[in-house]
N, C-alpha and C. Protein backbone atom coordinates (compact mmCIF):
# COMPACT_ATOMS: atom_id res chain seq x y z
N UNK A 1 26.55 7.53 -107.60
CA UNK A 1 26.35 7.34 -109.02
C UNK A 1 25.75 8.59 -109.65
N UNK A 2 26.25 9.72 -109.25
CA UNK A 2 25.72 10.96 -109.79
C UNK A 2 26.60 11.60 -110.84
N UNK A 3 27.84 11.14 -110.96
CA UNK A 3 28.72 11.70 -111.97
C UNK A 3 29.72 10.65 -112.44
N UNK A 4 30.22 10.83 -113.65
CA UNK A 4 31.23 9.92 -114.19
C UNK A 4 32.47 9.93 -113.31
N UNK A 5 32.86 11.12 -112.87
CA UNK A 5 34.05 11.25 -112.03
C UNK A 5 33.90 10.45 -110.73
N UNK A 6 32.71 10.52 -110.13
CA UNK A 6 32.47 9.78 -108.91
C UNK A 6 32.50 8.28 -109.11
N UNK A 7 31.95 7.83 -110.21
CA UNK A 7 31.95 6.40 -110.53
C UNK A 7 33.37 5.92 -110.76
N UNK A 8 34.16 6.69 -111.48
CA UNK A 8 35.52 6.28 -111.79
C UNK A 8 36.43 6.39 -110.57
N UNK A 9 36.16 7.34 -109.67
CA UNK A 9 36.97 7.53 -108.47
C UNK A 9 36.69 6.43 -107.46
N UNK A 10 35.44 6.00 -107.37
CA UNK A 10 35.07 4.98 -106.40
C UNK A 10 34.66 5.59 -105.08
N UNK A 11 34.28 4.74 -104.17
CA UNK A 11 33.82 5.20 -102.86
C UNK A 11 34.89 5.12 -101.81
N UNK A 12 34.51 4.65 -100.62
CA UNK A 12 35.43 4.57 -99.50
C UNK A 12 36.63 3.69 -99.80
N UNK A 13 36.44 2.66 -100.60
CA UNK A 13 37.54 1.74 -100.92
C UNK A 13 38.51 2.33 -101.93
N UNK A 14 38.04 3.36 -102.67
CA UNK A 14 38.88 3.94 -103.71
C UNK A 14 38.90 3.13 -104.98
N UNK A 15 38.13 2.05 -105.04
CA UNK A 15 38.07 1.20 -106.22
C UNK A 15 37.02 1.73 -107.18
N UNK A 16 37.39 1.89 -108.43
CA UNK A 16 36.46 2.36 -109.45
C UNK A 16 35.33 1.35 -109.61
N UNK A 17 34.10 1.84 -109.75
CA UNK A 17 32.96 0.95 -109.94
C UNK A 17 32.90 0.37 -111.34
N UNK A 18 33.60 1.00 -112.28
CA UNK A 18 33.60 0.57 -113.67
C UNK A 18 35.02 0.23 -114.09
N UNK A 19 35.21 -0.91 -114.72
CA UNK A 19 36.51 -1.30 -115.26
C UNK A 19 36.50 -1.02 -116.76
N UNK A 20 37.24 -0.03 -117.19
CA UNK A 20 37.27 0.34 -118.61
C UNK A 20 37.65 -0.85 -119.47
N UNK A 21 36.84 -1.11 -120.49
CA UNK A 21 37.10 -2.21 -121.41
C UNK A 21 36.73 -3.58 -120.87
N UNK A 22 36.32 -3.67 -119.62
CA UNK A 22 35.96 -4.95 -119.00
C UNK A 22 34.66 -4.78 -118.22
N UNK A 23 33.56 -4.42 -118.89
CA UNK A 23 32.33 -4.12 -118.16
C UNK A 23 31.81 -5.27 -117.30
N UNK A 24 31.99 -6.50 -117.73
CA UNK A 24 31.46 -7.63 -116.97
C UNK A 24 32.35 -7.99 -115.79
N UNK A 25 33.51 -7.31 -115.64
CA UNK A 25 34.37 -7.49 -114.48
C UNK A 25 34.28 -6.30 -113.53
N UNK A 26 33.44 -5.33 -113.88
CA UNK A 26 33.29 -4.12 -113.06
C UNK A 26 32.56 -4.44 -111.76
N UNK A 27 33.03 -3.89 -110.64
CA UNK A 27 32.34 -4.12 -109.37
C UNK A 27 30.85 -3.78 -109.42
N UNK A 28 30.48 -2.73 -110.12
CA UNK A 28 29.06 -2.36 -110.21
C UNK A 28 28.26 -3.46 -110.89
N UNK A 29 28.74 -3.97 -112.01
CA UNK A 29 28.06 -5.05 -112.73
C UNK A 29 27.99 -6.31 -111.86
N UNK A 30 29.11 -6.67 -111.25
CA UNK A 30 29.15 -7.88 -110.42
C UNK A 30 28.19 -7.78 -109.24
N UNK A 31 28.06 -6.57 -108.67
CA UNK A 31 27.16 -6.39 -107.52
C UNK A 31 25.70 -6.51 -107.92
N UNK A 32 25.32 -5.87 -109.02
CA UNK A 32 23.89 -5.90 -109.36
C UNK A 32 23.46 -7.22 -109.98
N UNK A 33 24.39 -7.98 -110.55
CA UNK A 33 24.04 -9.29 -111.10
C UNK A 33 24.26 -10.40 -110.08
N UNK A 34 24.85 -10.06 -108.95
CA UNK A 34 25.19 -11.01 -107.89
C UNK A 34 26.19 -12.06 -108.35
N UNK A 35 27.05 -11.70 -109.27
CA UNK A 35 28.11 -12.60 -109.75
C UNK A 35 29.43 -12.17 -109.12
N UNK A 36 29.49 -12.24 -107.79
CA UNK A 36 30.63 -11.72 -107.06
C UNK A 36 31.01 -12.66 -105.94
N UNK A 37 32.08 -12.29 -105.26
CA UNK A 37 32.54 -13.06 -104.11
C UNK A 37 31.44 -13.09 -103.04
N UNK A 38 31.37 -14.18 -102.29
CA UNK A 38 30.33 -14.33 -101.27
C UNK A 38 30.46 -13.32 -100.13
N UNK A 39 31.66 -12.74 -99.92
CA UNK A 39 31.83 -11.80 -98.82
C UNK A 39 31.44 -10.37 -99.19
N UNK A 40 31.00 -10.14 -100.42
CA UNK A 40 30.53 -8.81 -100.83
C UNK A 40 29.13 -8.60 -100.27
N UNK A 41 28.79 -7.35 -99.95
CA UNK A 41 27.40 -7.08 -99.58
C UNK A 41 26.51 -7.28 -100.80
N UNK A 42 25.34 -7.82 -100.58
CA UNK A 42 24.43 -8.12 -101.69
C UNK A 42 23.63 -6.87 -102.05
N UNK A 43 23.61 -6.55 -103.33
CA UNK A 43 22.83 -5.42 -103.85
C UNK A 43 21.95 -5.94 -104.96
N UNK A 44 20.68 -5.83 -104.91
CA UNK A 44 19.88 -5.40 -103.76
C UNK A 44 19.93 -6.46 -102.67
N UNK A 45 19.55 -6.10 -101.43
CA UNK A 45 19.59 -7.07 -100.34
C UNK A 45 18.83 -8.35 -100.69
N UNK A 46 19.27 -9.45 -100.11
CA UNK A 46 18.68 -10.76 -100.43
C UNK A 46 17.17 -10.81 -100.21
N UNK A 47 16.66 -10.02 -99.26
CA UNK A 47 15.22 -10.07 -99.01
C UNK A 47 14.43 -9.47 -100.17
N UNK A 48 15.11 -8.77 -101.07
CA UNK A 48 14.45 -8.23 -102.26
C UNK A 48 14.69 -9.16 -103.44
N UNK A 49 13.86 -9.05 -104.43
CA UNK A 49 14.05 -9.83 -105.64
C UNK A 49 15.29 -9.34 -106.38
N UNK A 50 15.89 -10.23 -107.14
CA UNK A 50 17.01 -9.82 -107.99
C UNK A 50 16.50 -8.82 -109.02
N UNK A 51 17.40 -7.98 -109.50
CA UNK A 51 17.04 -7.06 -110.57
C UNK A 51 16.77 -7.85 -111.84
N UNK A 52 15.82 -7.39 -112.63
CA UNK A 52 15.52 -8.06 -113.90
C UNK A 52 16.59 -7.69 -114.92
N UNK A 53 16.66 -8.45 -116.00
CA UNK A 53 17.60 -8.14 -117.07
C UNK A 53 17.34 -6.75 -117.64
N UNK A 54 16.07 -6.36 -117.70
CA UNK A 54 15.72 -5.02 -118.19
C UNK A 54 16.23 -3.94 -117.25
N UNK A 55 16.15 -4.17 -115.95
CA UNK A 55 16.64 -3.19 -114.99
C UNK A 55 18.16 -3.07 -115.05
N UNK A 56 18.85 -4.17 -115.26
CA UNK A 56 20.30 -4.15 -115.36
C UNK A 56 20.75 -3.44 -116.62
N UNK A 57 20.02 -3.66 -117.72
CA UNK A 57 20.39 -3.04 -118.99
C UNK A 57 20.22 -1.55 -118.89
């Protein structure tokens, strides 16, 4: 998450972390809000508290 190009290019999967025009469907948003498929890795890990609305904003 150090550059726009890196975010749009994605990581090992090649999937962009941001979906243009669909922010609430973006993998990054889904991961940090935990509104994703159960087989996704949890970010932050379950042993940590969920991010607050202020942290997500």
